[in-house]
């Protein structure tokens, strides 16, 4: 139970909350106050909780691992998306890409910071050591997953900024089917390429998963 509490408090909550705050803060700095006016530029997890992505799905993944139902802890989740009005940004096409990339970038920064803590701390084979490693894995996974160019994932916003307006409109029509597409890809294992990349990136920053 201690590992589960650490896992939620040190790994899951900061990863998803800071990801969304990064979107909102970046949008605010680039001219859109929507997230600030909605009270979403806060580190209070309650303001960001999504019942499915923040509670049910991570809970199932965590308990499946600790009950021995899975051999590897694949931790994943999401918070309520921070509202962003791209039309209020000073340079909508460019700034939309920056706002979208801010979430994955903050997850990578968190992973690097945690890797340094692991590297310079004498934690041995303790529960905290394992939780910090899982936190590194989670943040790298979130960064890579969100950069997949399927609307409404962050990667699709970056791609939209690179497309002509006409093609971008057609491309973003996929958003209504985006979550279904992602769930199908996860179910059939077509997104399994993420884990090997996460392992390599973790090794680069000094963490062996």
C-alpha atoms as a PDB file:
ATOM      1  CA  UNK A   1       0.000   0.000   0.000  1.00  0.00           C
ATOM      2  CA  UNK A   2       2.905   2.357   0.670  1.00  0.00           C
ATOM      3  CA  UNK A   3       4.197   1.850  -2.879  1.00  0.00           C
ATOM      4  CA  UNK A   4       0.722   2.536  -4.278  1.00  0.00           C
ATOM      5  CA  UNK A   5       0.443   5.779  -2.281  1.00  0.00           C
ATOM      6  CA  UNK A   6       3.921   6.868  -3.439  1.00  0.00           C
ATOM      7  CA  UNK A   7       3.057   5.883  -6.998  1.00  0.00           C
ATOM      8  CA  UNK A   8      -0.037   8.069  -7.058  1.00  0.00           C
ATOM      9  CA  UNK A   9       1.459  11.004  -5.164  1.00  0.00           C
ATOM     10  CA  UNK A  10       4.939  11.093  -6.699  1.00  0.00           C
ATOM     11  CA  UNK A  11       4.393   9.657 -10.174  1.00  0.00           C
ATOM     12  CA  UNK A  12       0.845   9.890 -11.482  1.00  0.00           C
ATOM     13  CA  UNK A  13      -0.560  13.128 -10.047  1.00  0.00           C
ATOM     14  CA  UNK A  14       2.408  15.428 -10.802  1.00  0.00           C
ATOM     15  CA  UNK A  15       2.802  13.977 -14.307  1.00  0.00           C
ATOM     16  CA  UNK A  16      -0.742  14.657 -15.454  1.00  0.00           C
ATOM     17  CA  UNK A  17      -1.348  17.860 -13.478  1.00  0.00           C
ATOM     18  CA  UNK A  18       1.880  19.567 -14.595  1.00  0.00           C
ATOM     19  CA  UNK A  19       1.238  18.420 -18.172  1.00  0.00           C
ATOM     20  CA  UNK A  20      -2.089  20.262 -18.274  1.00  0.00           C
ATOM     21  CA  UNK A  21      -0.795  23.273 -16.360  1.00  0.00           C
ATOM     22  CA  UNK A  22       2.013  23.609 -18.896  1.00  0.00           C
ATOM     23  CA  UNK A  23      -0.549  23.877 -21.706  1.00  0.00           C
ATOM     24  CA  UNK A  24      -2.567  26.503 -19.844  1.00  0.00           C
ATOM     25  CA  UNK A  25       0.409  28.545 -18.625  1.00  0.00           C
ATOM     26  CA  UNK A  26       1.978  28.604 -22.095  1.00  0.00           C
ATOM     27  CA  UNK A  27      -1.302  29.668 -23.680  1.00  0.00           C
ATOM     28  CA  UNK A  28      -1.635  32.433 -21.074  1.00  0.00           C
ATOM     29  CA  UNK A  29       1.861  33.699 -21.797  1.00  0.00           C
ATOM     30  CA  UNK A  30       1.030  33.717 -25.516  1.00  0.00           C
ATOM     31  CA  UNK A  31      -2.139  35.761 -25.122  1.00  0.00           C
ATOM     32  CA  UNK A  32      -4.982  33.371 -24.243  1.00  0.00           C
ATOM     33  CA  UNK A  33      -6.307  33.784 -20.655  1.00  0.00           C
ATOM     34  CA  UNK A  34      -8.997  31.079 -21.018  1.00  0.00           C
ATOM     35  CA  UNK A  35      -7.313  28.541 -18.734  1.00  0.00           C
ATOM     36  CA  UNK A  36      -6.519  31.199 -16.124  1.00  0.00           C
ATOM     37  CA  UNK A  37     -10.098  32.517 -16.126  1.00  0.00           C
ATOM     38  CA  UNK A  38     -11.343  28.929 -15.784  1.00  0.00           C
ATOM     39  CA  UNK A  39      -9.217  28.390 -12.676  1.00  0.00           C
ATOM     40  CA  UNK A  40      -7.069  25.745 -14.368  1.00  0.00           C
ATOM     41  CA  UNK A  41      -3.652  27.327 -13.761  1.00  0.00           C
ATOM     42  CA  UNK A  42      -3.530  25.616 -10.384  1.00  0.00           C
ATOM     43  CA  UNK A  43      -1.532  22.699  -9.039  1.00  0.00           C
ATOM     44  CA  UNK A  44      -4.567  21.531  -7.062  1.00  0.00           C
ATOM     45  CA  UNK A  45      -5.205  18.029  -8.484  1.00  0.00           C
ATOM     46  CA  UNK A  46      -8.931  18.269  -7.787  1.00  0.00           C
ATOM     47  CA  UNK A  47      -9.281  20.914 -10.505  1.00  0.00           C
ATOM     48  CA  UNK A  48      -7.746  18.573 -13.078  1.00  0.00           C
ATOM     49  CA  UNK A  49      -9.179  15.151 -12.184  1.00  0.00           C
ATOM     50  CA  UNK A  50     -10.862  13.203 -14.955  1.00  0.00           C
ATOM     51  CA  UNK A  51     -12.842  10.289 -13.467  1.00  0.00           C
ATOM     52  CA  UNK A  52     -11.744   7.806 -16.120  1.00  0.00           C
ATOM     53  CA  UNK A  53      -8.245   9.012 -17.007  1.00  0.00           C
ATOM     54  CA  UNK A  54      -7.134  10.095 -13.524  1.00  0.00           C
ATOM     55  CA  UNK A  55      -8.814   7.490 -11.330  1.00  0.00           C
ATOM     56  CA  UNK A  56     -10.350   4.427 -12.987  1.00  0.00           C
ATOM     57  CA  UNK A  57      -7.760   3.571 -15.657  1.00  0.00           C
ATOM     58  CA  UNK A  58      -4.639   4.212 -13.508  1.00  0.00           C
ATOM     59  CA  UNK A  59      -6.285   2.365 -10.622  1.00  0.00           C
ATOM     60  CA  UNK A  60      -6.914  -0.700 -12.773  1.00  0.00           C
ATOM     61  CA  UNK A  61      -3.334  -0.658 -14.097  1.00  0.00           C
ATOM     62  CA  UNK A  62      -1.785  -0.235 -10.647  1.00  0.00           C
ATOM     63  CA  UNK A  63      -3.821  -2.920  -8.906  1.00  0.00           C
ATOM     64  CA  UNK A  64      -3.452  -5.340 -11.829  1.00  0.00           C
ATOM     65  CA  UNK A  65       0.309  -5.140 -11.392  1.00  0.00           C
ATOM     66  CA  UNK A  66       0.374  -5.403  -7.606  1.00  0.00           C
ATOM     67  CA  UNK A  67      -2.096  -8.307  -7.696  1.00  0.00           C
ATOM     68  CA  UNK A  68       0.199 -10.152 -10.082  1.00  0.00           C
ATOM     69  CA  UNK A  69      -2.155  -9.997 -13.067  1.00  0.00           C
ATOM     70  CA  UNK A  70       0.477  -8.282 -15.220  1.00  0.00           C
ATOM     71  CA  UNK A  71       4.258  -8.758 -15.312  1.00  0.00           C
ATOM     72  CA  UNK A  72       5.040  -5.112 -16.060  1.00  0.00           C
ATOM     73  CA  UNK A  73       3.556  -1.934 -14.658  1.00  0.00           C
ATOM     74  CA  UNK A  74       2.354   0.093 -17.631  1.00  0.00           C
ATOM     75  CA  UNK A  75       1.073   3.222 -15.925  1.00  0.00           C
ATOM     76  CA  UNK A  76      -0.980   5.631 -17.944  1.00  0.00           C
ATOM     77  CA  UNK A  77      -3.636   8.294 -17.445  1.00  0.00           C
ATOM     78  CA  UNK A  78      -4.807  11.768 -18.301  1.00  0.00           C
ATOM     79  CA  UNK A  79      -6.429  14.824 -16.713  1.00  0.00           C
ATOM     80  CA  UNK A  80      -9.246  17.040 -17.936  1.00  0.00           C
ATOM     81  CA  UNK A  81      -7.913  19.003 -20.908  1.00  0.00           C
ATOM     82  CA  UNK A  82      -7.111  22.625 -20.112  1.00  0.00           C
ATOM     83  CA  UNK A  83      -9.332  24.932 -22.202  1.00  0.00           C
ATOM     84  CA  UNK A  84      -7.413  26.868 -24.839  1.00  0.00           C
ATOM     85  CA  UNK A  85      -8.902  29.320 -27.347  1.00  0.00           C
ATOM     86  CA  UNK A  86      -6.378  29.222 -30.172  1.00  0.00           C
ATOM     87  CA  UNK A  87      -7.963  32.280 -31.820  1.00  0.00           C
ATOM     88  CA  UNK A  88      -6.883  34.412 -28.851  1.00  0.00           C
ATOM     89  CA  UNK A  89      -3.234  33.505 -29.255  1.00  0.00           C
ATOM     90  CA  UNK A  90      -1.072  36.261 -30.702  1.00  0.00           C
ATOM     91  CA  UNK A  91       0.081  34.066 -33.582  1.00  0.00           C
ATOM     92  CA  UNK A  92      -2.517  31.249 -33.690  1.00  0.00           C
ATOM     93  CA  UNK A  93      -0.754  28.826 -36.062  1.00  0.00           C
ATOM     94  CA  UNK A  94       2.688  29.098 -34.478  1.00  0.00           C
ATOM     95  CA  UNK A  95       1.519  29.488 -30.887  1.00  0.00           C
ATOM     96  CA  UNK A  96      -0.870  26.518 -31.164  1.00  0.00           C
ATOM     97  CA  UNK A  97       2.169  24.329 -31.843  1.00  0.00           C
ATOM     98  CA  UNK A  98       4.051  25.787 -28.878  1.00  0.00           C
ATOM     99  CA  UNK A  99       1.087  25.308 -26.523  1.00  0.00           C
ATOM    100  CA  UNK A 100       0.612  21.720 -27.685  1.00  0.00           C
ATOM    101  CA  UNK A 101       4.286  20.849 -27.254  1.00  0.00           C
ATOM    102  CA  UNK A 102       4.467  22.387 -23.767  1.00  0.00           C
ATOM    103  CA  UNK A 103       2.762  19.422 -22.082  1.00  0.00           C
ATOM    104  CA  UNK A 104       5.062  16.694 -23.450  1.00  0.00           C
ATOM    105  CA  UNK A 105       8.099  18.934 -22.895  1.00  0.00           C
ATOM    106  CA  UNK A 106       7.290  19.364 -19.190  1.00  0.00           C
ATOM    107  CA  UNK A 107       6.948  15.578 -18.858  1.00  0.00           C
ATOM    108  CA  UNK A 108      10.427  15.131 -20.341  1.00  0.00           C
ATOM    109  CA  UNK A 109      11.815  17.771 -17.957  1.00  0.00           C
ATOM    110  CA  UNK A 110      10.219  15.975 -14.990  1.00  0.00           C
ATOM    111  CA  UNK A 111      11.729  12.683 -16.153  1.00  0.00           C
ATOM    112  CA  UNK A 112      15.204  14.228 -16.388  1.00  0.00           C
ATOM    113  CA  UNK A 113      14.919  15.781 -12.907  1.00  0.00           C
ATOM    114  CA  UNK A 114      13.744  12.498 -11.398  1.00  0.00           C
ATOM    115  CA  UNK A 115      16.563  10.655 -13.143  1.00  0.00           C
ATOM    116  CA  UNK A 116      19.082  12.939 -11.466  1.00  0.00           C
ATOM    117  CA  UNK A 117      17.444  12.346  -8.086  1.00  0.00           C
ATOM    118  CA  UNK A 118      17.708   8.580  -8.663  1.00  0.00           C
ATOM    119  CA  UNK A 119      21.311   8.927  -9.796  1.00  0.00           C
ATOM    120  CA  UNK A 120      22.510  10.957  -6.813  1.00  0.00           C
ATOM    121  CA  UNK A 121      20.373   9.392  -4.079  1.00  0.00           C
ATOM    122  CA  UNK A 122      21.420   6.284  -2.160  1.00  0.00           C
ATOM    123  CA  UNK A 123      17.989   4.655  -2.350  1.00  0.00           C
ATOM    124  CA  UNK A 124      19.192   1.152  -3.155  1.00  0.00           C
ATOM    125  CA  UNK A 125      16.391  -1.261  -3.951  1.00  0.00           C
ATOM    126  CA  UNK A 126      13.853   0.632  -1.853  1.00  0.00           C
ATOM    127  CA  UNK A 127      10.189   1.221  -2.622  1.00  0.00           C
ATOM    128  CA  UNK A 128      10.947   4.890  -3.277  1.00  0.00           C
ATOM    129  CA  UNK A 129      13.592   3.920  -5.847  1.00  0.00           C
ATOM    130  CA  UNK A 130      11.062   1.778  -7.728  1.00  0.00           C
ATOM    131  CA  UNK A 131       8.425   4.514  -7.603  1.00  0.00           C
ATOM    132  CA  UNK A 132      10.845   7.122  -8.954  1.00  0.00           C
ATOM    133  CA  UNK A 133      11.765   4.762 -11.811  1.00  0.00           C
ATOM    134  CA  UNK A 134       8.074   4.258 -12.566  1.00  0.00           C
ATOM    135  CA  UNK A 135       7.640   8.045 -12.484  1.00  0.00           C
ATOM    136  CA  UNK A 136      10.405   8.429 -15.071  1.00  0.00           C
ATOM    137  CA  UNK A 137       8.752   5.777 -17.249  1.00  0.00           C
ATOM    138  CA  UNK A 138       5.321   7.369 -16.875  1.00  0.00           C
ATOM    139  CA  UNK A 139       6.514  10.853 -17.843  1.00  0.00           C
ATOM    140  CA  UNK A 140       8.419   9.603 -20.882  1.00  0.00           C
ATOM    141  CA  UNK A 141       5.420   7.487 -21.906  1.00  0.00           C
ATOM    142  CA  UNK A 142       3.055  10.445 -21.601  1.00  0.00           C
ATOM    143  CA  UNK A 143       5.400  12.648 -23.631  1.00  0.00           C
ATOM    144  CA  UNK A 144       5.701  10.133 -26.469  1.00  0.00           C
ATOM    145  CA  UNK A 145       2.073   9.056 -26.451  1.00  0.00           C
ATOM    146  CA  UNK A 146       0.766  12.604 -26.569  1.00  0.00           C
ATOM    147  CA  UNK A 147       2.997  13.445 -29.524  1.00  0.00           C
ATOM    148  CA  UNK A 148       1.318  10.776 -31.674  1.00  0.00           C
ATOM    149  CA  UNK A 149      -0.354  12.809 -34.486  1.00  0.00           C
ATOM    150  CA  UNK A 150      -3.908  11.592 -33.906  1.00  0.00           C
ATOM    151  CA  UNK A 151      -6.402  14.356 -33.047  1.00  0.00           C
ATOM    152  CA  UNK A 152      -6.940  15.456 -30.295  1.00  0.00           C
ATOM    153  CA  UNK A 153      -3.517  14.376 -28.981  1.00  0.00           C
ATOM    154  CA  UNK A 154      -0.889  17.106 -28.681  1.00  0.00           C
ATOM    155  CA  UNK A 155       1.040  15.852 -31.683  1.00  0.00           C
ATOM    156  CA  UNK A 156      -1.930  16.573 -33.920  1.00  0.00           C
ATOM    157  CA  UNK A 157      -1.858  20.258 -32.899  1.00  0.00           C
ATOM    158  CA  UNK A 158       1.789  20.472 -33.910  1.00  0.00           C
ATOM    159  CA  UNK A 159       1.006  18.826 -37.260  1.00  0.00           C
ATOM    160  CA  UNK A 160      -1.963  21.165 -37.791  1.00  0.00           C
ATOM    161  CA  UNK A 161       0.330  24.171 -37.506  1.00  0.00           C
ATOM    162  CA  UNK A 162       2.489  22.768 -40.302  1.00  0.00           C
ATOM    163  CA  UNK A 163      -0.365  22.085 -42.721  1.00  0.00           C
ATOM    164  CA  UNK A 164      -2.112  24.437 -45.115  1.00  0.00           C
ATOM    165  CA  UNK A 165      -5.443  25.737 -43.728  1.00  0.00           C
ATOM    166  CA  UNK A 166      -7.498  23.604 -46.140  1.00  0.00           C
ATOM    167  CA  UNK A 167      -5.685  20.365 -45.309  1.00  0.00           C
ATOM    168  CA  UNK A 168      -5.658  21.235 -41.598  1.00  0.00           C
ATOM    169  CA  UNK A 169      -9.461  21.529 -41.563  1.00  0.00           C
ATOM    170  CA  UNK A 170      -9.844  18.100 -43.166  1.00  0.00           C
ATOM    171  CA  UNK A 171      -7.207  16.588 -40.885  1.00  0.00           C
ATOM    172  CA  UNK A 172      -8.902  17.857 -37.725  1.00  0.00           C
ATOM    173  CA  UNK A 173     -12.176  16.255 -38.765  1.00  0.00           C
ATOM    174  CA  UNK A 174     -10.562  13.073 -37.436  1.00  0.00           C
ATOM    175  CA  UNK A 175     -10.897  14.441 -33.904  1.00  0.00           C
ATOM    176  CA  UNK A 176     -14.417  13.078 -33.508  1.00  0.00           C
ATOM    177  CA  UNK A 177     -12.976   9.589 -34.018  1.00  0.00           C
ATOM    178  CA  UNK A 178      -9.611  10.233 -32.329  1.00  0.00           C
ATOM    179  CA  UNK A 179     -10.198   8.559 -28.988  1.00  0.00           C
ATOM    180  CA  UNK A 180     -11.762   5.543 -30.697  1.00  0.00           C
ATOM    181  CA  UNK A 181      -8.717   5.270 -32.979  1.00  0.00           C
ATOM    182  CA  UNK A 182      -6.348   5.477 -30.030  1.00  0.00           C
ATOM    183  CA  UNK A 183      -8.253   2.810 -28.091  1.00  0.00           C
ATOM    184  CA  UNK A 184      -8.264   0.502 -31.125  1.00  0.00           C
ATOM    185  CA  UNK A 185      -4.521   0.982 -31.642  1.00  0.00           C
ATOM    186  CA  UNK A 186      -3.875   0.266 -27.973  1.00  0.00           C
ATOM    187  CA  UNK A 187      -6.071  -2.832 -28.073  1.00  0.00           C
ATOM    188  CA  UNK A 188      -4.370  -4.395 -31.093  1.00  0.00           C
ATOM    189  CA  UNK A 189      -0.907  -3.498 -29.848  1.00  0.00           C
ATOM    190  CA  UNK A 190       0.047  -1.137 -32.667  1.00  0.00           C
ATOM    191  CA  UNK A 191       1.323   1.387 -30.131  1.00  0.00           C
ATOM    192  CA  UNK A 192       3.673  -1.127 -28.504  1.00  0.00           C
ATOM    193  CA  UNK A 193       6.565   0.711 -30.175  1.00  0.00           C
ATOM    194  CA  UNK A 194       6.381   3.268 -27.357  1.00  0.00           C
ATOM    195  CA  UNK A 195       7.867   1.027 -24.656  1.00  0.00           C
ATOM    196  CA  UNK A 196      11.199   0.282 -26.425  1.00  0.00           C
ATOM    197  CA  UNK A 197      11.652   3.997 -27.131  1.00  0.00           C
ATOM    198  CA  UNK A 198      10.890   4.803 -23.481  1.00  0.00           C
ATOM    199  CA  UNK A 199      13.487   2.235 -22.390  1.00  0.00           C
ATOM    200  CA  UNK A 200      16.117   3.821 -24.654  1.00  0.00           C
ATOM    201  CA  UNK A 201      15.319   7.374 -23.527  1.00  0.00           C
ATOM    202  CA  UNK A 202      15.392   6.324 -19.879  1.00  0.00           C
ATOM    203  CA  UNK A 203      18.802   4.779 -20.447  1.00  0.00           C
ATOM    204  CA  UNK A 204      20.056   8.016 -21.994  1.00  0.00           C
ATOM    205  CA  UNK A 205      19.123   9.951 -18.856  1.00  0.00           C
ATOM    206  CA  UNK A 206      20.612   7.292 -16.597  1.00  0.00           C
ATOM    207  CA  UNK A 207      17.664   5.150 -15.514  1.00  0.00           C
ATOM    208  CA  UNK A 208      17.394   1.432 -16.159  1.00  0.00           C
ATOM    209  CA  UNK A 209      13.741   0.399 -16.281  1.00  0.00           C
END
